[in-house]
Amino acid sequence: MTTSPAGCPGADIPDSRGRTGLDRTGLDLTGNPRVRVTDVELVAAAWHVLRRTTLEYQDASGEWSTQQRETYDRGNGATVLLYDPDRRTVLLTRQFRFPVYVNGHPDGMLIEAAAGLLDEDDPETAIRREAAEETGVEIGELQHVYDVFMSPGSVTERLHFYAAPYTADTRTADGGGLADEGEEIDVLDIPFDESLAMIRDGRICDAKTIMLLHWAALDGPFAPSAGHSR
């Protein structure tokens, strides 16, 4: 069942993005016999969706308990590490992120790998779009790295990780993001070894970016087995 009030945007009438039925997500789940979803409440449906779900959970002893979980659904996303193996550099971005600013980051200017939401695209199409918008790079060869749930306690997002080489020839525009979406993005061409030092001293503190840089050092283009030694 659902308990969202009649006339609730995103439930029985379209929200600002034209969506309905957002209060029914999860009611048809059958993959885990120890979980029974009994109620979904639509708490908020602005650009993203906040739900409060009531479920019955069977523990290891066989006992059932009623629990509630709030989930924040912002859609799935993709990210890419752009690297130049010959110059041993990576292309990262820097932009203002209010959530980190309000939670203790000194100025909110976060250094990150290019990333964005899928919207209606598949992951590869989405990350090619985001890389072009943010960094000006037209991606050719694209390597899938892994797919990760980044904050599974409350956020539903699954992030698709990629890596791709870039050169001066493939950077066909300045990047910087979309002004009409309020984006103002700096593009940073950083020596790879310096990027690892930036993780150690805290200048890079974004999870997806740290994961991609460590992958590049251990298994990716700058791993010893890749033939690009220091």
Protein backbone atom coordinates (compact mmCIF):
# COMPACT_ATOMS: atom_id res chain seq x y z
CA MET A 1 0.00 0.00 0.00
CA THR A 2 0.93 3.67 -0.17
CA THR A 3 0.12 6.44 2.30
CA SER A 4 0.95 9.49 0.21
CA PRO A 5 -1.94 11.97 0.38
CA ALA A 6 -4.30 12.36 -2.55
CA GLY A 7 -3.11 15.00 -4.97
CA CYS A 8 0.52 14.54 -3.91
CA PRO A 9 2.89 15.56 -6.75
CA GLY A 10 4.75 12.51 -7.99
CA ALA A 11 2.09 10.13 -6.72
CA ASP A 12 -1.24 10.40 -8.54
CA ILE A 13 -0.51 13.73 -10.24
CA PRO A 14 2.66 14.62 -12.18
CA ASP A 15 5.48 16.34 -10.34
CA SER A 16 7.65 19.11 -11.86
CA ARG A 17 9.42 16.50 -14.02
CA GLY A 18 6.18 14.85 -15.17
CA ARG A 19 6.56 11.74 -13.01
CA THR A 20 3.78 9.76 -11.31
CA GLY A 21 3.75 6.53 -9.33
CA LEU A 22 6.81 7.49 -7.30
CA ASP A 23 5.05 6.21 -4.17
CA ARG A 24 4.92 2.63 -5.50
CA THR A 25 8.64 1.99 -5.83
CA GLY A 26 9.60 -1.14 -3.91
CA LEU A 27 6.13 -2.60 -3.45
CA ASP A 28 6.77 -5.29 -6.07
CA LEU A 29 10.18 -6.46 -4.80
CA THR A 30 10.40 -10.26 -4.48
CA GLY A 31 14.13 -11.03 -4.66
CA ASN A 32 14.60 -11.50 -0.90
CA PRO A 33 11.99 -13.75 0.81
CA ARG A 34 13.00 -12.32 4.19
CA VAL A 35 11.83 -8.82 3.20
CA ARG A 36 8.20 -7.78 2.65
CA VAL A 37 7.52 -4.14 1.72
CA THR A 38 4.17 -3.12 3.17
CA ASP A 39 3.96 0.65 2.72
CA VAL A 40 5.67 3.45 0.78
CA GLU A 41 5.19 7.10 1.76
CA LEU A 42 6.33 9.84 -0.58
CA VAL A 43 7.95 12.38 1.76
CA ALA A 44 9.24 14.77 -0.91
CA ALA A 45 9.44 14.84 -4.69
CA ALA A 46 11.25 17.88 -5.97
CA TRP A 47 14.12 17.23 -8.38
CA HIS A 48 14.96 14.06 -6.44
CA VAL A 49 12.73 11.79 -4.36
CA LEU A 50 12.63 11.05 -0.62
CA ARG A 51 10.60 8.02 0.46
CA ARG A 52 9.77 6.46 3.83
CA THR A 53 9.27 2.72 3.36
CA THR A 54 7.78 0.36 5.93
CA LEU A 55 8.92 -3.25 5.63
CA GLU A 56 8.77 -6.52 7.49
CA TYR A 57 12.16 -8.18 7.99
CA GLN A 58 12.81 -11.77 9.06
CA ASP A 59 15.98 -12.19 11.12
CA ALA A 60 18.22 -15.27 11.31
CA SER A 61 16.08 -16.82 14.08
CA GLY A 62 12.97 -16.62 11.90
CA GLU A 63 11.35 -13.77 13.82
CA TRP A 64 9.67 -10.97 11.87
CA SER A 65 9.97 -7.32 12.82
CA THR A 66 8.53 -4.14 11.32
CA GLN A 67 11.12 -1.57 10.26
CA GLN A 68 11.18 1.75 8.44
CA ARG A 69 13.80 3.06 6.04
CA GLU A 70 14.11 6.47 4.42
CA THR A 71 15.71 6.43 0.98
CA TYR A 72 16.89 9.33 -1.14
CA ASP A 73 16.53 8.59 -4.85
CA ARG A 74 18.50 10.93 -7.11
CA GLY A 75 18.84 8.46 -9.98
CA ASN A 76 21.99 6.64 -11.02
CA GLY A 77 25.17 8.27 -12.26
CA ALA A 78 28.49 7.79 -14.01
CA THR A 79 32.02 9.07 -13.51
CA VAL A 80 35.24 8.88 -15.52
CA LEU A 81 38.95 9.27 -14.84
CA LEU A 82 40.53 11.04 -17.81
CA TYR A 83 44.26 10.30 -18.01
CA ASP A 84 47.21 10.97 -20.29
CA PRO A 85 49.56 7.97 -19.95
CA ASP A 86 52.45 9.62 -21.79
CA ARG A 87 52.44 12.81 -19.72
CA ARG A 88 51.35 10.93 -16.54
CA THR A 89 48.57 13.42 -15.88
CA VAL A 90 44.89 13.25 -14.98
CA LEU A 91 42.16 15.74 -15.89
CA LEU A 92 39.98 16.63 -12.90
CA THR A 93 37.41 19.31 -12.17
CA ARG A 94 36.83 21.78 -9.36
CA GLN A 95 33.43 23.23 -8.52
CA PHE A 96 31.42 24.54 -5.59
CA ARG A 97 29.48 21.85 -3.71
CA PHE A 98 27.19 23.27 -1.03
CA PRO A 99 26.59 19.94 0.80
CA VAL A 100 30.31 19.57 1.56
CA TYR A 101 30.62 23.29 2.39
CA VAL A 102 27.86 23.09 4.98
CA ASN A 103 29.47 19.95 6.44
CA GLY A 104 32.92 21.33 7.15
CA HIS A 105 34.79 21.65 3.85
CA PRO A 106 36.74 24.94 4.05
CA ASP A 107 35.31 26.59 0.91
CA GLY A 108 33.15 23.95 -0.76
CA MET A 109 35.37 23.89 -3.87
CA LEU A 110 35.65 20.15 -4.41
CA ILE A 111 38.18 18.52 -6.74
CA GLU A 112 36.56 15.63 -8.58
CA ALA A 113 36.59 13.35 -11.57
CA ALA A 114 34.02 14.34 -14.18
CA ALA A 115 30.61 12.88 -13.32
CA GLY A 116 26.89 13.31 -13.70
CA LEU A 117 23.50 11.68 -13.53
CA LEU A 118 22.39 9.31 -16.27
CA ASP A 119 19.01 10.99 -16.74
CA GLU A 120 17.47 9.01 -19.61
CA ASP A 121 20.79 7.84 -21.10
CA ASP A 122 22.76 4.62 -20.70
CA PRO A 123 25.94 4.97 -18.59
CA GLU A 124 28.39 5.18 -21.49
CA THR A 125 26.37 7.82 -23.32
CA ALA A 126 25.91 9.79 -20.12
CA ILE A 127 29.58 9.89 -19.18
CA ARG A 128 30.62 10.90 -22.70
CA ARG A 129 28.13 13.78 -22.43
CA GLU A 130 29.33 14.82 -18.97
CA ALA A 131 33.03 14.65 -19.91
CA ALA A 132 32.42 16.89 -22.91
CA GLU A 133 30.38 19.40 -20.90
CA GLU A 134 32.69 19.55 -17.89
CA THR A 135 36.17 19.10 -19.40
CA GLY A 136 35.80 19.62 -23.14
CA VAL A 137 37.12 16.11 -23.86
CA GLU A 138 35.52 14.01 -26.59
CA ILE A 139 36.03 10.49 -25.26
CA GLY A 140 37.11 7.80 -27.70
CA GLU A 141 38.17 4.54 -26.05
CA LEU A 142 36.24 3.99 -22.81
CA GLN A 143 37.05 1.38 -20.14
CA HIS A 144 34.47 0.20 -17.62
CA VAL A 145 36.00 -0.11 -14.15
CA TYR A 146 33.17 -1.09 -11.77
CA ASP A 147 29.68 -0.19 -10.52
CA VAL A 148 29.35 0.94 -6.92
CA PHE A 149 26.62 1.85 -4.42
CA MET A 150 28.18 4.93 -2.86
CA SER A 151 26.03 5.47 0.26
CA PRO A 152 23.89 2.35 0.72
CA GLY A 153 22.51 3.32 4.12
CA SER A 154 20.17 5.92 2.65
CA VAL A 155 20.95 6.84 -0.98
CA THR A 156 19.81 4.53 -3.78
CA GLU A 157 22.31 5.76 -6.38
CA ARG A 158 24.52 3.29 -8.21
CA LEU A 159 27.56 4.96 -9.79
CA HIS A 160 29.14 3.54 -12.95
CA PHE A 161 32.93 4.05 -13.01
CA TYR A 162 34.94 4.46 -16.21
CA ALA A 163 38.40 5.49 -17.34
CA ALA A 164 39.50 6.96 -20.66
CA PRO A 165 42.69 8.38 -22.15
CA TYR A 166 42.81 11.96 -23.32
CA THR A 167 45.26 14.10 -25.30
CA ALA A 168 45.38 17.70 -26.42
CA ASP A 169 43.70 16.57 -29.64
CA THR A 170 40.71 15.03 -27.86
CA ARG A 171 40.16 18.09 -25.71
CA THR A 172 38.20 19.99 -28.32
CA ALA A 173 36.55 22.60 -26.06
CA ASP A 174 37.17 24.45 -22.81
CA GLY A 175 34.54 22.60 -20.78
CA GLY A 176 33.37 24.36 -17.65
CA GLY A 177 29.87 22.93 -17.44
CA LEU A 178 26.51 24.35 -18.44
CA ALA A 179 25.91 27.95 -17.39
CA ASP A 180 22.14 27.55 -17.63
CA GLU A 181 22.36 24.82 -14.97
CA GLY A 182 24.42 27.06 -12.68
CA GLU A 183 27.66 25.20 -13.33
CA GLU A 184 31.01 26.98 -13.08
CA ILE A 185 33.67 24.30 -13.36
CA ASP A 186 37.45 24.69 -13.40
CA VAL A 187 39.40 22.05 -15.33
CA LEU A 188 42.65 20.91 -13.68
CA ASP A 189 45.45 19.10 -15.51
CA ILE A 190 47.30 17.45 -12.62
CA PRO A 191 50.40 15.21 -12.57
CA PHE A 192 49.28 11.78 -11.45
CA ASP A 193 51.79 11.50 -8.61
CA GLU A 194 50.65 14.91 -7.36
CA SER A 195 47.04 13.71 -7.35
CA LEU A 196 48.00 10.88 -4.99
CA ALA A 197 49.74 13.39 -2.72
CA MET A 198 46.57 15.49 -2.79
CA ILE A 199 44.63 12.51 -1.43
CA ARG A 200 47.13 12.10 1.38
CA ASP A 201 47.01 15.76 2.44
CA GLY A 202 43.24 16.14 2.02
CA ARG A 203 43.09 18.41 -1.02
CA ILE A 204 41.25 15.60 -2.81
CA CYS A 205 38.53 14.25 -0.52
CA ASP A 206 35.86 13.10 -2.96
CA ALA A 207 35.15 9.36 -2.70
CA LYS A 208 34.67 8.53 -6.39
CA THR A 209 37.81 10.43 -7.33
CA ILE A 210 39.92 8.72 -4.67
CA MET A 211 38.62 5.32 -5.81
CA LEU A 212 39.49 6.02 -9.44
CA LEU A 213 42.95 7.37 -8.65
CA HIS A 214 43.77 4.38 -6.45
CA TRP A 215 42.47 2.05 -9.18
CA ALA A 216 44.73 3.83 -11.69
CA ALA A 217 47.73 3.28 -9.41
CA LEU A 218 46.96 -0.36 -8.55
CA ASP A 219 45.30 -1.85 -11.63
CA GLY A 220 44.91 0.91 -14.19
CA PRO A 221 47.11 2.94 -16.53
CA PHE A 222 49.70 3.90 -13.92
CA ALA A 223 50.06 0.48 -12.28
CA PRO A 224 53.59 -0.99 -12.49
CA SER A 225 52.27 -3.75 -14.76
CA ALA A 226 51.01 -1.14 -17.24
CA GLY A 227 54.56 -0.24 -18.19
CA HIS A 228 54.41 3.43 -17.15
CA SER A 229 56.79 3.37 -14.21
CA ARG A 230 57.81 6.47 -12.33
